[in-house]
Amino acid sequence: MDLTIRPYRDEDELEWMRVHAIILSISHSWNYSIQERPQYEGYDSTRLVGELDDKIVALTDTQYEKKPGELCLQSDSLGGYVLEFGRLPEYTGHDIGQKLIDATIEDAKTQGYKRLEYWSQDRGAQRYYARLGLKEIGRHYRFRMRPTPEHTELATAGFYGIEYLYCACLPEEWPTIREKYDVVEKHPLEPHLCVGYEIRF
């Protein structure tokens, strides 16, 4: 398989969106779908695609901080937060993920950055990053909960409604949260454990 990793081009947008939508449909990594390709205006970024037989089969985007801790958990230096990362499901087993990571590292180096953070709610992605030997740097739960009477009262006073609250908490807080609040458990709004990994170079 002759895979090419290259920079994203503006003319890739429609194909990029199609590939992104397919990846999103089989992953828990994203909280929402998008209808426009992110641009990261005003920020340095690395935007790459994996191409096979003149077709995009994989993608990755990294946005770089302007100040430490702006996007990343670690704040000892400027880092890159990987916002998009994935490949079409029919291309598993071809080492595409590692090639995307390697190419992102090389581009980050040319821009003067020395670390990347990968965060994911998807269990398959978490196993993948751990298998590659990436260092785990943090965990938190992302969840939605129905508003309490106090929230509802505030909403009524302001003439707006709250369907649910989108929240995050540390793993040690999770049992108490589930006991105390009405957490939404059903797909597609079920809770997920988000795990972060770091690469330094």
C-alpha atoms as a PDB file:
ATOM      1  CA  MET A   1       0.000   0.000   0.000  1.00  0.00           C
ATOM      2  CA  ASP A   2       1.563   3.253  -1.176  1.00  0.00           C
ATOM      3  CA  LEU A   3       0.204   5.787   1.307  1.00  0.00           C
ATOM      4  CA  THR A   4       1.076   9.459   0.920  1.00  0.00           C
ATOM      5  CA  ILE A   5       0.899  11.869   3.850  1.00  0.00           C
ATOM      6  CA  ARG A   6       0.612  15.430   2.608  1.00  0.00           C
ATOM      7  CA  PRO A   7      -0.630  18.859   3.723  1.00  0.00           C
ATOM      8  CA  TYR A   8      -4.342  19.539   3.413  1.00  0.00           C
ATOM      9  CA  ARG A   9      -5.330  21.730   0.444  1.00  0.00           C
ATOM     10  CA  ASP A  10      -8.415  23.923   0.092  1.00  0.00           C
ATOM     11  CA  GLU A  11      -9.672  21.812  -2.808  1.00  0.00           C
ATOM     12  CA  ASP A  12      -9.780  18.796  -0.425  1.00  0.00           C
ATOM     13  CA  GLU A  13     -12.669  20.229   1.595  1.00  0.00           C
ATOM     14  CA  LEU A  14     -15.586  18.174   0.248  1.00  0.00           C
ATOM     15  CA  GLU A  15     -13.671  14.904   0.352  1.00  0.00           C
ATOM     16  CA  TRP A  16     -12.235  15.788   3.783  1.00  0.00           C
ATOM     17  CA  MET A  17     -15.740  16.407   5.123  1.00  0.00           C
ATOM     18  CA  ARG A  18     -16.968  13.078   3.728  1.00  0.00           C
ATOM     19  CA  VAL A  19     -14.105  11.141   5.303  1.00  0.00           C
ATOM     20  CA  HIS A  20     -14.509  13.030   8.592  1.00  0.00           C
ATOM     21  CA  ALA A  21     -18.229  12.185   8.694  1.00  0.00           C
ATOM     22  CA  ILE A  22     -17.563   8.476   8.187  1.00  0.00           C
ATOM     23  CA  ILE A  23     -14.936   8.414  10.934  1.00  0.00           C
ATOM     24  CA  LEU A  24     -17.239  10.352  13.265  1.00  0.00           C
ATOM     25  CA  SER A  25     -20.054   7.851  12.705  1.00  0.00           C
ATOM     26  CA  ILE A  26     -18.016   4.973  14.165  1.00  0.00           C
ATOM     27  CA  SER A  27     -16.162   6.810  16.939  1.00  0.00           C
ATOM     28  CA  HIS A  28     -16.999   8.321  20.325  1.00  0.00           C
ATOM     29  CA  SER A  29     -14.154  10.817  20.010  1.00  0.00           C
ATOM     30  CA  TRP A  30     -16.347  13.759  18.994  1.00  0.00           C
ATOM     31  CA  ASN A  31     -19.150  15.463  20.930  1.00  0.00           C
ATOM     32  CA  TYR A  32     -20.846  16.918  17.861  1.00  0.00           C
ATOM     33  CA  SER A  33     -20.875  16.771  14.081  1.00  0.00           C
ATOM     34  CA  ILE A  34     -19.595  19.618  11.910  1.00  0.00           C
ATOM     35  CA  GLN A  35     -20.806  21.002   8.599  1.00  0.00           C
ATOM     36  CA  GLU A  36     -17.776  23.188   7.849  1.00  0.00           C
ATOM     37  CA  ARG A  37     -14.114  22.343   7.819  1.00  0.00           C
ATOM     38  CA  PRO A  38     -12.294  23.974  10.821  1.00  0.00           C
ATOM     39  CA  GLN A  39      -9.795  26.658   9.791  1.00  0.00           C
ATOM     40  CA  TYR A  40      -7.990  27.514  13.090  1.00  0.00           C
ATOM     41  CA  GLU A  41      -7.714  31.141  12.013  1.00  0.00           C
ATOM     42  CA  GLY A  42      -5.124  33.112  13.949  1.00  0.00           C
ATOM     43  CA  TYR A  43      -3.326  29.971  15.143  1.00  0.00           C
ATOM     44  CA  ASP A  44      -0.451  27.903  13.844  1.00  0.00           C
ATOM     45  CA  SER A  45      -1.657  24.469  12.838  1.00  0.00           C
ATOM     46  CA  THR A  46      -0.711  21.218  11.178  1.00  0.00           C
ATOM     47  CA  ARG A  47      -3.388  19.912   8.803  1.00  0.00           C
ATOM     48  CA  LEU A  48      -2.521  16.663   7.067  1.00  0.00           C
ATOM     49  CA  VAL A  49      -4.303  13.997   5.045  1.00  0.00           C
ATOM     50  CA  GLY A  50      -3.393  10.428   4.199  1.00  0.00           C
ATOM     51  CA  GLU A  51      -3.955   9.705   0.526  1.00  0.00           C
ATOM     52  CA  LEU A  52      -4.180   6.380  -1.276  1.00  0.00           C
ATOM     53  CA  ASP A  53      -4.889   6.010  -4.999  1.00  0.00           C
ATOM     54  CA  ASP A  54      -5.618   9.758  -5.139  1.00  0.00           C
ATOM     55  CA  LYS A  55      -8.296   9.453  -2.449  1.00  0.00           C
ATOM     56  CA  ILE A  56      -8.207  10.758   1.106  1.00  0.00           C
ATOM     57  CA  VAL A  57      -8.416   7.864   3.565  1.00  0.00           C
ATOM     58  CA  ALA A  58      -7.129   9.512   6.759  1.00  0.00           C
ATOM     59  CA  LEU A  59      -6.756  12.928   8.356  1.00  0.00           C
ATOM     60  CA  THR A  60      -5.293  14.782  11.299  1.00  0.00           C
ATOM     61  CA  ASP A  61      -5.399  18.393  12.518  1.00  0.00           C
ATOM     62  CA  THR A  62      -3.352  19.994  15.289  1.00  0.00           C
ATOM     63  CA  GLN A  63      -3.848  23.507  16.630  1.00  0.00           C
ATOM     64  CA  TYR A  64      -0.914  25.120  18.463  1.00  0.00           C
ATOM     65  CA  GLU A  65      -1.148  27.263  21.559  1.00  0.00           C
ATOM     66  CA  LYS A  66      -0.238  30.927  21.718  1.00  0.00           C
ATOM     67  CA  LYS A  67       0.371  30.660  25.448  1.00  0.00           C
ATOM     68  CA  PRO A  68       1.057  27.546  27.561  1.00  0.00           C
ATOM     69  CA  GLY A  69      -2.083  25.917  28.913  1.00  0.00           C
ATOM     70  CA  GLU A  70      -4.420  27.724  26.516  1.00  0.00           C
ATOM     71  CA  LEU A  71      -5.477  24.502  24.776  1.00  0.00           C
ATOM     72  CA  CYS A  72      -3.461  21.720  26.385  1.00  0.00           C
ATOM     73  CA  LEU A  73      -3.522  20.328  29.921  1.00  0.00           C
ATOM     74  CA  GLN A  74       0.239  20.619  30.375  1.00  0.00           C
ATOM     75  CA  SER A  75       1.367  24.217  30.704  1.00  0.00           C
ATOM     76  CA  ASP A  76       5.133  24.073  31.078  1.00  0.00           C
ATOM     77  CA  SER A  77       5.630  24.951  27.389  1.00  0.00           C
ATOM     78  CA  LEU A  78       3.682  25.647  24.212  1.00  0.00           C
ATOM     79  CA  GLY A  79       2.000  22.537  22.857  1.00  0.00           C
ATOM     80  CA  GLY A  80      -0.174  21.264  20.069  1.00  0.00           C
ATOM     81  CA  TYR A  81      -3.684  20.005  20.720  1.00  0.00           C
ATOM     82  CA  VAL A  82      -4.716  17.306  18.243  1.00  0.00           C
ATOM     83  CA  LEU A  83      -8.330  18.040  17.349  1.00  0.00           C
ATOM     84  CA  GLU A  84      -8.840  15.633  14.448  1.00  0.00           C
ATOM     85  CA  PHE A  85      -7.286  12.193  14.001  1.00  0.00           C
ATOM     86  CA  GLY A  86      -8.602   9.136  12.225  1.00  0.00           C
ATOM     87  CA  ARG A  87      -8.793   6.912   9.158  1.00  0.00           C
ATOM     88  CA  LEU A  88     -11.495   5.143   7.219  1.00  0.00           C
ATOM     89  CA  PRO A  89     -12.434   1.800   8.840  1.00  0.00           C
ATOM     90  CA  GLU A  90     -11.576  -0.311   5.797  1.00  0.00           C
ATOM     91  CA  TYR A  91      -7.910   0.702   6.092  1.00  0.00           C
ATOM     92  CA  THR A  92      -7.173  -0.787   9.494  1.00  0.00           C
ATOM     93  CA  GLY A  93      -3.903  -2.623   9.994  1.00  0.00           C
ATOM     94  CA  HIS A  94      -1.809  -0.487   7.645  1.00  0.00           C
ATOM     95  CA  ASP A  95       0.015   1.618  10.262  1.00  0.00           C
ATOM     96  CA  ILE A  96      -1.699   4.779   8.993  1.00  0.00           C
ATOM     97  CA  GLY A  97      -2.144   6.240  12.479  1.00  0.00           C
ATOM     98  CA  GLN A  98       1.557   6.020  13.286  1.00  0.00           C
ATOM     99  CA  LYS A  99       2.426   7.611   9.948  1.00  0.00           C
ATOM    100  CA  LEU A 100       0.053  10.501  10.651  1.00  0.00           C
ATOM    101  CA  ILE A 101       1.581  10.979  14.102  1.00  0.00           C
ATOM    102  CA  ASP A 102       5.141  10.877  12.731  1.00  0.00           C
ATOM    103  CA  ALA A 103       4.307  13.413  10.028  1.00  0.00           C
ATOM    104  CA  THR A 104       2.616  15.698  12.578  1.00  0.00           C
ATOM    105  CA  ILE A 105       5.697  15.557  14.808  1.00  0.00           C
ATOM    106  CA  GLU A 106       7.948  16.515  11.910  1.00  0.00           C
ATOM    107  CA  ASP A 107       5.738  19.455  10.960  1.00  0.00           C
ATOM    108  CA  ALA A 108       5.447  20.565  14.590  1.00  0.00           C
ATOM    109  CA  LYS A 109       9.240  20.599  14.846  1.00  0.00           C
ATOM    110  CA  THR A 110       9.558  22.858  11.809  1.00  0.00           C
ATOM    111  CA  GLN A 111       7.184  25.320  13.510  1.00  0.00           C
ATOM    112  CA  GLY A 112       9.151  25.245  16.766  1.00  0.00           C
ATOM    113  CA  TYR A 113       6.827  23.109  18.910  1.00  0.00           C
ATOM    114  CA  LYS A 114       8.037  20.190  21.001  1.00  0.00           C
ATOM    115  CA  ARG A 115       4.980  18.365  22.269  1.00  0.00           C
ATOM    116  CA  LEU A 116       1.502  17.168  21.290  1.00  0.00           C
ATOM    117  CA  GLU A 117      -1.555  16.168  23.296  1.00  0.00           C
ATOM    118  CA  TYR A 118      -4.036  13.549  22.096  1.00  0.00           C
ATOM    119  CA  TRP A 119      -7.343  13.320  24.001  1.00  0.00           C
ATOM    120  CA  SER A 120     -10.108  10.844  23.257  1.00  0.00           C
ATOM    121  CA  GLN A 121     -13.366   9.504  24.668  1.00  0.00           C
ATOM    122  CA  ASP A 122     -13.227   6.533  22.309  1.00  0.00           C
ATOM    123  CA  ARG A 123     -12.081   3.308  23.994  1.00  0.00           C
ATOM    124  CA  GLY A 124     -10.536   1.966  20.813  1.00  0.00           C
ATOM    125  CA  ALA A 125      -8.494   5.145  20.395  1.00  0.00           C
ATOM    126  CA  GLN A 126      -7.427   4.992  24.041  1.00  0.00           C
ATOM    127  CA  ARG A 127      -6.190   1.429  23.599  1.00  0.00           C
ATOM    128  CA  TYR A 128      -4.385   2.489  20.432  1.00  0.00           C
ATOM    129  CA  TYR A 129      -2.527   5.392  22.076  1.00  0.00           C
ATOM    130  CA  ALA A 130      -1.568   3.180  25.024  1.00  0.00           C
ATOM    131  CA  ARG A 131      -0.322   0.480  22.637  1.00  0.00           C
ATOM    132  CA  LEU A 132       1.890   3.052  20.911  1.00  0.00           C
ATOM    133  CA  GLY A 133       3.424   3.871  24.274  1.00  0.00           C
ATOM    134  CA  LEU A 134       2.103   7.426  24.588  1.00  0.00           C
ATOM    135  CA  LYS A 135       2.284   8.784  28.117  1.00  0.00           C
ATOM    136  CA  GLU A 136      -1.088   9.173  29.840  1.00  0.00           C
ATOM    137  CA  ILE A 137      -1.415  12.649  31.354  1.00  0.00           C
ATOM    138  CA  GLY A 138      -4.988  12.881  32.603  1.00  0.00           C
ATOM    139  CA  ARG A 139      -8.537  11.557  32.789  1.00  0.00           C
ATOM    140  CA  HIS A 140     -11.954  13.069  33.259  1.00  0.00           C
ATOM    141  CA  TYR A 141     -15.556  12.113  32.643  1.00  0.00           C
ATOM    142  CA  ARG A 142     -17.660  14.028  30.129  1.00  0.00           C
ATOM    143  CA  PHE A 143     -21.387  13.717  30.723  1.00  0.00           C
ATOM    144  CA  ARG A 144     -24.765  15.362  30.398  1.00  0.00           C
ATOM    145  CA  MET A 145     -27.180  15.744  33.260  1.00  0.00           C
ATOM    146  CA  ARG A 146     -30.738  16.971  33.533  1.00  0.00           C
ATOM    147  CA  PRO A 147     -31.113  20.323  35.294  1.00  0.00           C
ATOM    148  CA  THR A 148     -31.844  20.439  38.997  1.00  0.00           C
ATOM    149  CA  PRO A 149     -34.853  22.447  40.272  1.00  0.00           C
ATOM    150  CA  GLU A 150     -32.451  25.301  41.013  1.00  0.00           C
ATOM    151  CA  HIS A 151     -31.237  25.323  37.392  1.00  0.00           C
ATOM    152  CA  THR A 152     -34.809  25.186  36.135  1.00  0.00           C
ATOM    153  CA  GLU A 153     -35.817  28.101  38.355  1.00  0.00           C
ATOM    154  CA  LEU A 154     -32.982  30.216  36.997  1.00  0.00           C
ATOM    155  CA  ALA A 155     -33.925  29.310  33.441  1.00  0.00           C
ATOM    156  CA  THR A 156     -37.592  30.200  33.981  1.00  0.00           C
ATOM    157  CA  ALA A 157     -36.638  33.580  35.423  1.00  0.00           C
ATOM    158  CA  GLY A 158     -34.596  34.306  32.308  1.00  0.00           C
ATOM    159  CA  PHE A 159     -37.219  32.997  29.868  1.00  0.00           C
ATOM    160  CA  TYR A 160     -35.050  30.226  28.478  1.00  0.00           C
ATOM    161  CA  GLY A 161     -35.017  26.483  28.929  1.00  0.00           C
ATOM    162  CA  ILE A 162     -32.319  23.954  29.759  1.00  0.00           C
ATOM    163  CA  GLU A 163     -32.617  20.551  28.135  1.00  0.00           C
ATOM    164  CA  TYR A 164     -29.497  19.243  29.827  1.00  0.00           C
ATOM    165  CA  LEU A 165     -26.160  20.479  31.172  1.00  0.00           C
ATOM    166  CA  TYR A 166     -22.904  19.345  29.601  1.00  0.00           C
ATOM    167  CA  CYS A 167     -20.373  18.720  32.352  1.00  0.00           C
ATOM    168  CA  ALA A 168     -17.001  17.268  33.245  1.00  0.00           C
ATOM    169  CA  CYS A 169     -15.563  15.851  36.455  1.00  0.00           C
ATOM    170  CA  LEU A 170     -12.555  13.961  37.723  1.00  0.00           C
ATOM    171  CA  PRO A 171     -12.821  10.152  38.008  1.00  0.00           C
ATOM    172  CA  GLU A 172     -12.818  10.261  41.800  1.00  0.00           C
ATOM    173  CA  GLU A 173     -15.860  12.569  41.707  1.00  0.00           C
ATOM    174  CA  TRP A 174     -17.808  10.393  39.276  1.00  0.00           C
ATOM    175  CA  PRO A 175     -19.560   8.034  41.771  1.00  0.00           C
ATOM    176  CA  THR A 176     -20.876  10.999  43.768  1.00  0.00           C
ATOM    177  CA  ILE A 177     -22.047  12.800  40.625  1.00  0.00           C
ATOM    178  CA  ARG A 178     -24.007   9.763  39.443  1.00  0.00           C
ATOM    179  CA  GLU A 179     -25.598   9.331  42.843  1.00  0.00           C
ATOM    180  CA  LYS A 180     -26.479  12.990  43.345  1.00  0.00           C
ATOM    181  CA  TYR A 181     -27.618  14.062  39.865  1.00  0.00           C
ATOM    182  CA  ASP A 182     -29.838  12.788  37.049  1.00  0.00           C
ATOM    183  CA  VAL A 183     -27.125  11.835  34.555  1.00  0.00           C
ATOM    184  CA  VAL A 184     -28.232  11.134  30.979  1.00  0.00           C
ATOM    185  CA  GLU A 185     -27.214   7.526  30.292  1.00  0.00           C
ATOM    186  CA  LYS A 186     -28.755   6.670  26.913  1.00  0.00           C
ATOM    187  CA  HIS A 187     -27.004   6.799  23.543  1.00  0.00           C
ATOM    188  CA  PRO A 188     -26.027   9.129  21.919  1.00  0.00           C
ATOM    189  CA  LEU A 189     -25.638  11.273  25.049  1.00  0.00           C
ATOM    190  CA  GLU A 190     -24.161   8.655  27.370  1.00  0.00           C
ATOM    191  CA  PRO A 191     -21.166   9.510  29.609  1.00  0.00           C
ATOM    192  CA  HIS A 192     -17.620   8.861  28.421  1.00  0.00           C
ATOM    193  CA  LEU A 193     -14.258   8.716  30.121  1.00  0.00           C
ATOM    194  CA  CYS A 194     -11.881  11.037  28.279  1.00  0.00           C
ATOM    195  CA  VAL A 195      -8.183  10.117  28.493  1.00  0.00           C
ATOM    196  CA  GLY A 196      -5.274  12.348  27.496  1.00  0.00           C
ATOM    197  CA  TYR A 197      -1.882  11.293  26.148  1.00  0.00           C
ATOM    198  CA  GLU A 198       1.249  13.250  25.408  1.00  0.00           C
ATOM    199  CA  ILE A 199       4.197  13.011  23.019  1.00  0.00           C
ATOM    200  CA  ARG A 200       7.345  15.061  23.615  1.00  0.00           C
ATOM    201  CA  PHE A 201      10.128  15.320  21.052  1.00  0.00           C
END
